Amino acid sequence: MDTILAILGYLLLALVAIGVLVIFIGLEQYDQAQVNYLNYLIDAKDAEVQRRREHRAKREQLKDSLAINPKCILDPFSKDDK
């Protein structure tokens, strides 16, 4: 009877150890998933910043190439072309 209780005790101890390992492995994977998601957000933000820079550069290039006077856009019939 004592040997059966000892075997059951060891089995319970082994199950607890396996459970603890599974929890730690799950936490590690959760942490890695969070890191991956944060990296995704950083990459998305960098892409948005790059897109805005390119858009701004194109707008400045168009503004320079057409030599548009902003006052002419607001009032094209004004006599005040400087």
C-alpha atoms as a PDB file:
ATOM      1  CA  MET A   1       0.000   0.000   0.000  1.00  0.00           C
ATOM      2  CA  ASP A   2       2.832   2.350   0.825  1.00  0.00           C
ATOM      3  CA  THR A   3       4.470   1.746  -2.533  1.00  0.00           C
ATOM      4  CA  ILE A   4       1.222   2.577  -4.349  1.00  0.00           C
ATOM      5  CA  LEU A   5       0.921   5.853  -2.397  1.00  0.00           C
ATOM      6  CA  ALA A   6       4.576   6.643  -3.122  1.00  0.00           C
ATOM      7  CA  ILE A   7       4.070   5.999  -6.844  1.00  0.00           C
ATOM      8  CA  LEU A   8       0.919   8.160  -6.868  1.00  0.00           C
ATOM      9  CA  GLY A   9       2.816  10.897  -5.021  1.00  0.00           C
ATOM     10  CA  TYR A  10       5.613  10.836  -7.576  1.00  0.00           C
ATOM     11  CA  LEU A  11       3.097  10.870 -10.416  1.00  0.00           C
ATOM     12  CA  LEU A  12       1.364  13.878  -8.855  1.00  0.00           C
ATOM     13  CA  LEU A  13       4.717  15.608  -8.430  1.00  0.00           C
ATOM     14  CA  ALA A  14       5.586  14.865 -12.067  1.00  0.00           C
ATOM     15  CA  LEU A  15       2.220  16.246 -13.227  1.00  0.00           C
ATOM     16  CA  VAL A  16       2.758  19.436 -11.223  1.00  0.00           C
ATOM     17  CA  ALA A  17       6.242  19.823 -12.703  1.00  0.00           C
ATOM     18  CA  ILE A  18       4.890  19.311 -16.219  1.00  0.00           C
ATOM     19  CA  GLY A  19       2.139  21.838 -15.516  1.00  0.00           C
ATOM     20  CA  VAL A  20       4.670  24.403 -14.331  1.00  0.00           C
ATOM     21  CA  LEU A  21       6.774  23.850 -17.464  1.00  0.00           C
ATOM     22  CA  VAL A  22       3.715  24.240 -19.685  1.00  0.00           C
ATOM     23  CA  ILE A  23       2.824  27.503 -17.929  1.00  0.00           C
ATOM     24  CA  PHE A  24       6.352  28.879 -18.343  1.00  0.00           C
ATOM     25  CA  ILE A  25       6.477  27.844 -22.008  1.00  0.00           C
ATOM     26  CA  GLY A  26       3.088  29.471 -22.574  1.00  0.00           C
ATOM     27  CA  LEU A  27       4.229  32.683 -20.880  1.00  0.00           C
ATOM     28  CA  GLU A  28       7.362  32.744 -23.027  1.00  0.00           C
ATOM     29  CA  GLN A  29       5.302  32.340 -26.184  1.00  0.00           C
ATOM     30  CA  TYR A  30       2.916  35.065 -24.995  1.00  0.00           C
ATOM     31  CA  ASP A  31       5.842  37.414 -24.389  1.00  0.00           C
ATOM     32  CA  GLN A  32       7.229  36.621 -27.837  1.00  0.00           C
ATOM     33  CA  ALA A  33       3.821  37.301 -29.392  1.00  0.00           C
ATOM     34  CA  GLN A  34       3.711  40.680 -27.643  1.00  0.00           C
ATOM     35  CA  VAL A  35       7.196  41.530 -28.931  1.00  0.00           C
ATOM     36  CA  ASN A  36       6.196  40.520 -32.456  1.00  0.00           C
ATOM     37  CA  TYR A  37       3.056  42.665 -32.261  1.00  0.00           C
ATOM     38  CA  LEU A  38       5.001  45.667 -30.978  1.00  0.00           C
ATOM     39  CA  ASN A  39       7.541  45.244 -33.779  1.00  0.00           C
ATOM     40  CA  TYR A  40       4.647  45.131 -36.246  1.00  0.00           C
ATOM     41  CA  LEU A  41       3.249  48.383 -34.822  1.00  0.00           C
ATOM     42  CA  ILE A  42       6.668  50.055 -35.006  1.00  0.00           C
ATOM     43  CA  ASP A  43       7.109  48.932 -38.630  1.00  0.00           C
ATOM     44  CA  ALA A  44       3.627  50.181 -39.509  1.00  0.00           C
ATOM     45  CA  LYS A  45       4.346  53.558 -37.907  1.00  0.00           C
ATOM     46  CA  ASP A  46       7.690  53.799 -39.736  1.00  0.00           C
ATOM     47  CA  ALA A  47       5.938  53.011 -43.023  1.00  0.00           C
ATOM     48  CA  GLU A  48       3.340  55.714 -42.342  1.00  0.00           C
ATOM     49  CA  VAL A  49       6.052  58.259 -41.539  1.00  0.00           C
ATOM     50  CA  GLN A  50       7.923  57.317 -44.716  1.00  0.00           C
ATOM     51  CA  ARG A  51       4.722  57.636 -46.764  1.00  0.00           C
ATOM     52  CA  ARG A  52       4.065  61.093 -45.312  1.00  0.00           C
ATOM     53  CA  ARG A  53       7.641  62.184 -46.049  1.00  0.00           C
ATOM     54  CA  GLU A  54       7.344  61.027 -49.641  1.00  0.00           C
ATOM     55  CA  HIS A  55       3.995  62.782 -50.001  1.00  0.00           C
ATOM     56  CA  ARG A  56       5.418  65.984 -48.536  1.00  0.00           C
ATOM     57  CA  ALA A  57       8.438  65.784 -50.854  1.00  0.00           C
ATOM     58  CA  LYS A  58       6.203  65.275 -53.893  1.00  0.00           C
ATOM     59  CA  ARG A  59       4.029  68.196 -52.828  1.00  0.00           C
ATOM     60  CA  GLU A  60       7.077  70.441 -52.390  1.00  0.00           C
ATOM     61  CA  GLN A  61       8.472  69.308 -55.734  1.00  0.00           C
ATOM     62  CA  LEU A  62       5.172  70.064 -57.457  1.00  0.00           C
ATOM     63  CA  LYS A  63       4.953  73.416 -55.713  1.00  0.00           C
ATOM     64  CA  ASP A  64       8.489  74.283 -56.803  1.00  0.00           C
ATOM     65  CA  SER A  65       8.056  73.026 -60.366  1.00  0.00           C
ATOM     66  CA  LEU A  66       4.842  74.955 -60.975  1.00  0.00           C
ATOM     67  CA  ALA A  67       6.024  78.030 -59.074  1.00  0.00           C
ATOM     68  CA  ILE A  68       2.549  78.540 -57.690  1.00  0.00           C
ATOM     69  CA  ASN A  69       1.871  81.659 -55.686  1.00  0.00           C
ATOM     70  CA  PRO A  70      -0.562  80.676 -52.892  1.00  0.00           C
ATOM     71  CA  LYS A  71      -2.283  84.084 -53.140  1.00  0.00           C
ATOM     72  CA  CYS A  72      -3.140  83.385 -56.770  1.00  0.00           C
ATOM     73  CA  ILE A  73      -4.881  80.208 -55.732  1.00  0.00           C
ATOM     74  CA  LEU A  74      -7.015  82.020 -53.189  1.00  0.00           C
ATOM     75  CA  ASP A  75      -7.826  84.977 -55.467  1.00  0.00           C
ATOM     76  CA  PRO A  76      -6.807  84.317 -59.079  1.00  0.00           C
ATOM     77  CA  PHE A  77      -8.126  87.670 -60.271  1.00  0.00           C
ATOM     78  CA  SER A  78      -6.122  89.813 -57.875  1.00  0.00           C
ATOM     79  CA  LYS A  79      -3.864  92.471 -59.349  1.00  0.00           C
ATOM     80  CA  ASP A  80      -1.355  91.961 -56.554  1.00  0.00           C
ATOM     81  CA  ASP A  81       1.014  89.438 -58.234  1.00  0.00           C
ATOM     82  CA  LYS A  82       4.360  89.831 -56.565  1.00  0.00           C
END
